[in-house]
Amino acid sequence: MKDVKVLGPGCKRCRTTEDMVRAEAERLGVPVRVEKVTDYAAIAGYGIAATPGIVIDGKVVHAGGLPKAEDIAQWLST
């Protein structure tokens, strides 16, 4: 199971990013546990300056703006 954290204050882009992660995981058949991290101190702890951010299995893979679906698929597949 992949541990995915979506970092952001809960804005529309953050919610859309979470939905995209869930959709790609379902499409690929990859089990995921998605956690939304909204605490600014926790987000800063990952070195994220722009949101939304995505952390998969402890590794920051994306920060700032909406990710591309094909990038999410690649991150979940590795």
PDB file of N, CA and C in Angstrom:
ATOM      1  N   MET A   1       0.847  -1.178   0.000  1.00  0.00           N
ATOM      2  CA  MET A   1       0.000   0.000   0.000  1.00  0.00           C
ATOM      3  C   MET A   1       0.890   1.238   0.000  1.00  0.00           C
ATOM      4  N   LYS A   2       0.541   2.184  -0.878  1.00  0.00           N
ATOM      5  CA  LYS A   2       1.270   3.440  -0.958  1.00  0.00           C
ATOM      6  C   LYS A   2       0.696   4.415   0.065  1.00  0.00           C
ATOM      7  N   ASP A   3       1.584   5.098   0.768  1.00  0.00           N
ATOM      8  CA  ASP A   3       1.191   6.119   1.727  1.00  0.00           C
ATOM      9  C   ASP A   3       1.343   7.472   1.036  1.00  0.00           C
ATOM     10  N   VAL A   4       0.216   8.149   0.783  1.00  0.00           N
ATOM     11  CA  VAL A   4       0.222   9.407   0.043  1.00  0.00           C
ATOM     12  C   VAL A   4      -0.279  10.520   0.953  1.00  0.00           C
ATOM     13  N   LYS A   5       0.478  11.609   0.971  1.00  0.00           N
ATOM     14  CA  LYS A   5       0.059  12.795   1.701  1.00  0.00           C
ATOM     15  C   LYS A   5      -0.129  13.923   0.692  1.00  0.00           C
ATOM     16  N   VAL A   6      -1.280  14.584   0.761  1.00  0.00           N
ATOM     17  CA  VAL A   6      -1.531  15.761  -0.057  1.00  0.00           C
ATOM     18  C   VAL A   6      -1.382  16.953   0.884  1.00  0.00           C
ATOM     19  N   LEU A   7      -0.406  17.806   0.575  1.00  0.00           N
ATOM     20  CA  LEU A   7      -0.084  18.934   1.436  1.00  0.00           C
ATOM     21  C   LEU A   7      -0.735  20.202   0.909  1.00  0.00           C
ATOM     22  N   GLY A   8      -1.467  20.888   1.764  1.00  0.00           N
ATOM     23  CA  GLY A   8      -2.090  22.145   1.368  1.00  0.00           C
ATOM     24  C   GLY A   8      -3.170  22.554   2.343  1.00  0.00           C
ATOM     25  N   PRO A   9      -3.588  23.813   2.254  1.00  0.00           N
ATOM     26  CA  PRO A   9      -4.551  24.344   3.214  1.00  0.00           C
ATOM     27  C   PRO A   9      -5.984  23.878   3.010  1.00  0.00           C
ATOM     28  N   GLY A  10      -6.256  23.146   1.951  1.00  0.00           N
ATOM     29  CA  GLY A  10      -7.620  22.688   1.693  1.00  0.00           C
ATOM     30  C   GLY A  10      -8.306  23.478   0.599  1.00  0.00           C
ATOM     31  N   CYS A  11      -7.519  24.166  -0.209  1.00  0.00           N
ATOM     32  CA  CYS A  11      -8.066  24.949  -1.316  1.00  0.00           C
ATOM     33  C   CYS A  11      -8.590  24.025  -2.419  1.00  0.00           C
ATOM     34  N   LYS A  12      -9.197  24.627  -3.425  1.00  0.00           N
ATOM     35  CA  LYS A  12      -9.774  23.837  -4.515  1.00  0.00           C
ATOM     36  C   LYS A  12      -8.706  23.001  -5.229  1.00  0.00           C
ATOM     37  N   ARG A  13      -7.528  23.576  -5.473  1.00  0.00           N
ATOM     38  CA  ARG A  13      -6.454  22.818  -6.136  1.00  0.00           C
ATOM     39  C   ARG A  13      -6.009  21.631  -5.281  1.00  0.00           C
ATOM     40  N   CYS A  14      -5.988  21.820  -3.974  1.00  0.00           N
ATOM     41  CA  CYS A  14      -5.596  20.721  -3.078  1.00  0.00           C
ATOM     42  C   CYS A  14      -6.625  19.589  -3.126  1.00  0.00           C
ATOM     43  N   ARG A  15      -7.894  19.960  -3.119  1.00  0.00           N
ATOM     44  CA  ARG A  15      -8.954  18.942  -3.195  1.00  0.00           C
ATOM     45  C   ARG A  15      -8.925  18.235  -4.543  1.00  0.00           C
ATOM     46  N   THR A  16      -8.681  18.990  -5.604  1.00  0.00           N
ATOM     47  CA  THR A  16      -8.598  18.401  -6.940  1.00  0.00           C
ATOM     48  C   THR A  16      -7.409  17.451  -7.025  1.00  0.00           C
ATOM     49  N   THR A  17      -6.299  17.830  -6.436  1.00  0.00           N
ATOM     50  CA  THR A  17      -5.111  16.964  -6.422  1.00  0.00           C
ATOM     51  C   THR A  17      -5.407  15.663  -5.701  1.00  0.00           C
ATOM     52  N   GLU A  18      -6.074  15.744  -4.571  1.00  0.00           N
ATOM     53  CA  GLU A  18      -6.448  14.535  -3.835  1.00  0.00           C
ATOM     54  C   GLU A  18      -7.343  13.643  -4.692  1.00  0.00           C
ATOM     55  N   ASP A  19      -8.322  14.232  -5.354  1.00  0.00           N
ATOM     56  CA  ASP A  19      -9.219  13.467  -6.225  1.00  0.00           C
ATOM     57  C   ASP A  19      -8.445  12.806  -7.361  1.00  0.00           C
ATOM     58  N   MET A  20      -7.475  13.538  -7.933  1.00  0.00           N
ATOM     59  CA  MET A  20      -6.661  12.984  -9.018  1.00  0.00           C
ATOM     60  C   MET A  20      -5.835  11.790  -8.549  1.00  0.00           C
ATOM     61  N   VAL A  21      -5.258  11.905  -7.358  1.00  0.00           N
ATOM     62  CA  VAL A  21      -4.455  10.798  -6.808  1.00  0.00           C
ATOM     63  C   VAL A  21      -5.335   9.571  -6.618  1.00  0.00           C
ATOM     64  N   ARG A  22      -6.500   9.769  -6.025  1.00  0.00           N
ATOM     65  CA  ARG A  22      -7.412   8.640  -5.797  1.00  0.00           C
ATOM     66  C   ARG A  22      -7.851   8.009  -7.125  1.00  0.00           C
ATOM     67  N   ALA A  23      -8.160   8.833  -8.117  1.00  0.00           N
ATOM     68  CA  ALA A  23      -8.616   8.327  -9.416  1.00  0.00           C
ATOM     69  C   ALA A  23      -7.514   7.531 -10.120  1.00  0.00           C
ATOM     70  N   GLU A  24      -6.296   8.039 -10.111  1.00  0.00           N
ATOM     71  CA  GLU A  24      -5.185   7.327 -10.760  1.00  0.00           C
ATOM     72  C   GLU A  24      -4.871   6.027 -10.028  1.00  0.00           C
ATOM     73  N   ALA A  25      -4.918   6.045  -8.711  1.00  0.00           N
ATOM     74  CA  ALA A  25      -4.667   4.830  -7.941  1.00  0.00           C
ATOM     75  C   ALA A  25      -5.711   3.767  -8.279  1.00  0.00           C
ATOM     76  N   GLU A  26      -6.967   4.183  -8.367  1.00  0.00           N
ATOM     77  CA  GLU A  26      -8.035   3.240  -8.702  1.00  0.00           C
ATOM     78  C   GLU A  26      -7.854   2.703 -10.117  1.00  0.00           C
ATOM     79  N   ARG A  27      -7.530   3.589 -11.048  1.00  0.00           N
ATOM     80  CA  ARG A  27      -7.326   3.181 -12.436  1.00  0.00           C
ATOM     81  C   ARG A  27      -6.190   2.167 -12.559  1.00  0.00           C
ATOM     82  N   LEU A  28      -5.133   2.372 -11.773  1.00  0.00           N
ATOM     83  CA  LEU A  28      -3.969   1.480 -11.821  1.00  0.00           C
ATOM     84  C   LEU A  28      -4.130   0.239 -10.944  1.00  0.00           C
ATOM     85  N   GLY A  29      -5.122   0.258 -10.062  1.00  0.00           N
ATOM     86  CA  GLY A  29      -5.296  -0.850  -9.132  1.00  0.00           C
ATOM     87  C   GLY A  29      -4.261  -0.848  -8.020  1.00  0.00           C
ATOM     88  N   VAL A  30      -3.767   0.348  -7.679  1.00  0.00           N
ATOM     89  CA  VAL A  30      -2.761   0.491  -6.625  1.00  0.00           C
ATOM     90  C   VAL A  30      -3.465   0.908  -5.339  1.00  0.00           C
ATOM     91  N   PRO A  31      -3.346   0.096  -4.290  1.00  0.00           N
ATOM     92  CA  PRO A  31      -3.959   0.496  -3.026  1.00  0.00           C
ATOM     93  C   PRO A  31      -3.205   1.682  -2.419  1.00  0.00           C
ATOM     94  N   VAL A  32      -3.944   2.695  -1.983  1.00  0.00           N
ATOM     95  CA  VAL A  32      -3.337   3.881  -1.386  1.00  0.00           C
ATOM     96  C   VAL A  32      -4.059   4.263  -0.099  1.00  0.00           C
ATOM     97  N   ARG A  33      -3.299   4.887   0.761  1.00  0.00           N
ATOM     98  CA  ARG A  33      -3.869   5.525   1.951  1.00  0.00           C
ATOM     99  C   ARG A  33      -3.540   7.007   1.777  1.00  0.00           C
ATOM    100  N   VAL A  34      -4.563   7.832   1.588  1.00  0.00           N
ATOM    101  CA  VAL A  34      -4.373   9.251   1.332  1.00  0.00           C
ATOM    102  C   VAL A  34      -4.673  10.037   2.597  1.00  0.00           C
ATOM    103  N   GLU A  35      -3.726  10.885   2.959  1.00  0.00           N
ATOM    104  CA  GLU A  35      -3.887  11.752   4.122  1.00  0.00           C
ATOM    105  C   GLU A  35      -3.743  13.196   3.664  1.00  0.00           C
ATOM    106  N   LYS A  36      -4.658  14.050   4.095  1.00  0.00           N
ATOM    107  CA  LYS A  36      -4.555  15.476   3.804  1.00  0.00           C
ATOM    108  C   LYS A  36      -3.813  16.132   4.965  1.00  0.00           C
ATOM    109  N   VAL A  37      -2.760  16.872   4.641  1.00  0.00           N
ATOM    110  CA  VAL A  37      -1.989  17.588   5.652  1.00  0.00           C
ATOM    111  C   VAL A  37      -2.235  19.075   5.441  1.00  0.00           C
ATOM    112  N   THR A  38      -2.896  19.707   6.418  1.00  0.00           N
ATOM    113  CA  THR A  38      -3.245  21.119   6.290  1.00  0.00           C
ATOM    114  C   THR A  38      -2.464  22.014   7.249  1.00  0.00           C
ATOM    115  N   ASP A  39      -1.743  21.429   8.182  1.00  0.00           N
ATOM    116  CA  ASP A  39      -0.973  22.194   9.154  1.00  0.00           C
ATOM    117  C   ASP A  39       0.257  22.807   8.477  1.00  0.00           C
ATOM    118  N   TYR A  40       0.361  24.134   8.543  1.00  0.00           N
ATOM    119  CA  TYR A  40       1.445  24.825   7.847  1.00  0.00           C
ATOM    120  C   TYR A  40       2.824  24.415   8.344  1.00  0.00           C
ATOM    121  N   ALA A  41       2.955  24.165   9.638  1.00  0.00           N
ATOM    122  CA  ALA A  41       4.255  23.735  10.175  1.00  0.00           C
ATOM    123  C   ALA A  41       4.637  22.368   9.622  1.00  0.00           C
ATOM    124  N   ALA A  42       3.669  21.475   9.529  1.00  0.00           N
ATOM    125  CA  ALA A  42       3.938  20.139   8.974  1.00  0.00           C
ATOM    126  C   ALA A  42       4.293  20.238   7.493  1.00  0.00           C
ATOM    127  N   ILE A  43       3.595  21.094   6.765  1.00  0.00           N
ATOM    128  CA  ILE A  43       3.886  21.284   5.341  1.00  0.00           C
ATOM    129  C   ILE A  43       5.292  21.832   5.176  1.00  0.00           C
ATOM    130  N   ALA A  44       5.642  22.839   5.976  1.00  0.00           N
ATOM    131  CA  ALA A  44       6.982  23.430   5.915  1.00  0.00           C
ATOM    132  C   ALA A  44       8.053  22.398   6.239  1.00  0.00           C
ATOM    133  N   GLY A  45       7.714  21.444   7.100  1.00  0.00           N
ATOM    134  CA  GLY A  45       8.653  20.388   7.450  1.00  0.00           C
ATOM    135  C   GLY A  45       9.069  19.536   6.257  1.00  0.00           C
ATOM    136  N   TYR A  46       8.253  19.511   5.228  1.00  0.00           N
ATOM    137  CA  TYR A  46       8.594  18.784   4.002  1.00  0.00           C
ATOM    138  C   TYR A  46       9.358  19.663   3.008  1.00  0.00           C
ATOM    139  N   GLY A  47       9.557  20.937   3.365  1.00  0.00           N
ATOM    140  CA  GLY A  47      10.267  21.842   2.475  1.00  0.00           C
ATOM    141  C   GLY A  47       9.411  22.368   1.343  1.00  0.00           C
ATOM    142  N   ILE A  48       8.105  22.283   1.507  1.00  0.00           N
ATOM    143  CA  ILE A  48       7.167  22.724   0.476  1.00  0.00           C
ATOM    144  C   ILE A  48       6.897  24.217   0.658  1.00  0.00           C
ATOM    145  N   ALA A  49       7.141  24.992  -0.389  1.00  0.00           N
ATOM    146  CA  ALA A  49       6.864  26.421  -0.340  1.00  0.00           C
ATOM    147  C   ALA A  49       5.571  26.762  -1.086  1.00  0.00           C
ATOM    148  N   ALA A  50       5.204  25.924  -2.061  1.00  0.00           N
ATOM    149  CA  ALA A  50       3.987  26.149  -2.845  1.00  0.00           C
ATOM    150  C   ALA A  50       3.131  24.898  -2.779  1.00  0.00           C
ATOM    151  N   THR A  51       1.831  25.104  -2.638  1.00  0.00           N
ATOM    152  CA  THR A  51       0.911  23.974  -2.552  1.00  0.00           C
ATOM    153  C   THR A  51       0.055  23.914  -3.811  1.00  0.00           C
ATOM    154  N   PRO A  52      -0.542  22.785  -4.093  1.00  0.00           N
ATOM    155  CA  PRO A  52      -0.495  21.554  -3.328  1.00  0.00           C
ATOM    156  C   PRO A  52       0.821  20.811  -3.522  1.00  0.00           C
ATOM    157  N   GLY A  53       1.140  20.033  -2.511  1.00  0.00           N
ATOM    158  CA  GLY A  53       2.302  19.168  -2.575  1.00  0.00           C
ATOM    159  C   GLY A  53       1.854  17.729  -2.439  1.00  0.00           C
ATOM    160  N   ILE A  54       2.657  16.827  -2.959  1.00  0.00           N
ATOM    161  CA  ILE A  54       2.369  15.393  -2.837  1.00  0.00           C
ATOM    162  C   ILE A  54       3.604  14.697  -2.297  1.00  0.00           C
ATOM    163  N   VAL A  55       3.398  13.888  -1.274  1.00  0.00           N
ATOM    164  CA  VAL A  55       4.454  13.078  -0.689  1.00  0.00           C
ATOM    165  C   VAL A  55       3.994  11.626  -0.812  1.00  0.00           C
ATOM    166  N   ILE A  56       4.832  10.791  -1.424  1.00  0.00           N
ATOM    167  CA  ILE A  56       4.494   9.376  -1.563  1.00  0.00           C
ATOM    168  C   ILE A  56       5.578   8.562  -0.869  1.00  0.00           C
ATOM    169  N   ASP A  57       5.142   7.761   0.099  1.00  0.00           N
ATOM    170  CA  ASP A  57       6.049   6.931   0.890  1.00  0.00           C
ATOM    171  C   ASP A  57       7.221   7.739   1.432  1.00  0.00           C
ATOM    172  N   GLY A  58       6.909   8.950   1.946  1.00  0.00           N
ATOM    173  CA  GLY A  58       7.909   9.778   2.599  1.00  0.00           C
ATOM    174  C   GLY A  58       8.753  10.642   1.682  1.00  0.00           C
ATOM    175  N   LYS A  59       8.537  10.563   0.375  1.00  0.00           N
ATOM    176  CA  LYS A  59       9.334  11.332  -0.585  1.00  0.00           C
ATOM    177  C   LYS A  59       8.467  12.386  -1.266  1.00  0.00           C
ATOM    178  N   VAL A  60       8.929  13.648  -1.235  1.00  0.00           N
ATOM    179  CA  VAL A  60       8.215  14.719  -1.923  1.00  0.00           C
ATOM    180  C   VAL A  60       8.381  14.505  -3.424  1.00  0.00           C
ATOM    181  N   VAL A  61       7.253  14.382  -4.130  1.00  0.00           N
ATOM    182  CA  VAL A  61       7.298  14.167  -5.575  1.00  0.00           C
ATOM    183  C   VAL A  61       6.742  15.350  -6.365  1.00  0.00           C
ATOM    184  N   HIS A  62       6.027  16.252  -5.678  1.00  0.00           N
ATOM    185  CA  HIS A  62       5.403  17.370  -6.394  1.00  0.00           C
ATOM    186  C   HIS A  62       5.152  18.520  -5.429  1.00  0.00           C
ATOM    187  N   ALA A  63       5.305  19.749  -5.945  1.00  0.00           N
ATOM    188  CA  ALA A  63       4.956  20.940  -5.171  1.00  0.00           C
ATOM    189  C   ALA A  63       4.530  22.048  -6.124  1.00  0.00           C
ATOM    190  N   GLY A  64       3.403  22.658  -5.835  1.00  0.00           N
ATOM    191  CA  GLY A  64       2.928  23.823  -6.583  1.00  0.00           C
ATOM    192  C   GLY A  64       2.148  23.480  -7.833  1.00  0.00           C
ATOM    193  N   GLY A  65       0.902  23.902  -7.884  1.00  0.00           N
ATOM    194  CA  GLY A  65       0.066  23.680  -9.056  1.00  0.00           C
ATOM    195  C   GLY A  65      -0.474  22.271  -9.146  1.00  0.00           C
ATOM    196  N   LEU A  66      -1.366  22.087 -10.097  1.00  0.00           N
ATOM    197  CA  LEU A  66      -1.948  20.760 -10.294  1.00  0.00           C
ATOM    198  C   LEU A  66      -0.957  19.850 -11.022  1.00  0.00           C
ATOM    199  N   PRO A  67      -0.789  18.638 -10.529  1.00  0.00           N
ATOM    200  CA  PRO A  67       0.088  17.698 -11.226  1.00  0.00           C
ATOM    201  C   PRO A  67      -0.617  17.131 -12.456  1.00  0.00           C
ATOM    202  N   LYS A  68       0.146  16.576 -13.362  1.00  0.00           N
ATOM    203  CA  LYS A  68      -0.418  15.902 -14.530  1.00  0.00           C
ATOM    204  C   LYS A  68      -0.798  14.480 -14.123  1.00  0.00           C
ATOM    205  N   ALA A  69      -1.891  13.984 -14.685  1.00  0.00           N
ATOM    206  CA  ALA A  69      -2.360  12.637 -14.364  1.00  0.00           C
ATOM    207  C   ALA A  69      -1.291  11.593 -14.679  1.00  0.00           C
ATOM    208  N   GLU A  70      -0.574  11.769 -15.800  1.00  0.00           N
ATOM    209  CA  GLU A  70       0.452  10.785 -16.160  1.00  0.00           C
ATOM    210  C   GLU A  70       1.613  10.799 -15.173  1.00  0.00           C
ATOM    211  N   ASP A  71       1.901  11.960 -14.572  1.00  0.00           N
ATOM    212  CA  ASP A  71       2.946  12.013 -13.541  1.00  0.00           C
ATOM    213  C   ASP A  71       2.503  11.268 -12.292  1.00  0.00           C
ATOM    214  N   ILE A  72       1.256  11.476 -11.905  1.00  0.00           N
ATOM    215  CA  ILE A  72       0.731  10.751 -10.738  1.00  0.00           C
ATOM    216  C   ILE A  72       0.809   9.260 -10.959  1.00  0.00           C
ATOM    217  N   ALA A  73       0.429   8.814 -12.148  1.00  0.00           N
ATOM    218  CA  ALA A  73       0.481   7.380 -12.477  1.00  0.00           C
ATOM    219  C   ALA A  73       1.904   6.861 -12.348  1.00  0.00           C
ATOM    220  N   GLN A  74       2.872   7.631 -12.820  1.00  0.00           N
ATOM    221  CA  GLN A  74       4.266   7.205 -12.732  1.00  0.00           C
ATOM    222  C   GLN A  74       4.720   7.126 -11.281  1.00  0.00           C
ATOM    223  N   TRP A  75       4.373   8.132 -10.476  1.00  0.00           N
ATOM    224  CA  TRP A  75       4.777   8.136  -9.076  1.00  0.00           C
ATOM    225  C   TRP A  75       4.172   6.961  -8.314  1.00  0.00           C
ATOM    226  N   LEU A  76       2.930   6.625  -8.623  1.00  0.00           N
ATOM    227  CA  LEU A  76       2.266   5.521  -7.923  1.00  0.00           C
ATOM    228  C   LEU A  76       2.783   4.161  -8.383  1.00  0.00           C
ATOM    229  N   SER A  77       3.332   4.114  -9.571  1.00  0.00           N
ATOM    230  CA  SER A  77       3.794   2.840 -10.139  1.00  0.00           C
ATOM    231  C   SER A  77       5.202   2.448  -9.693  1.00  0.00           C
ATOM    232  N   THR A  78       5.927   3.395  -9.105  1.00  0.00           N
ATOM    233  CA  THR A  78       7.302   3.080  -8.709  1.00  0.00           C
ATOM    234  C   THR A  78       7.398   2.736  -7.256  1.00  0.00           C
TER     235      THR A  78
END
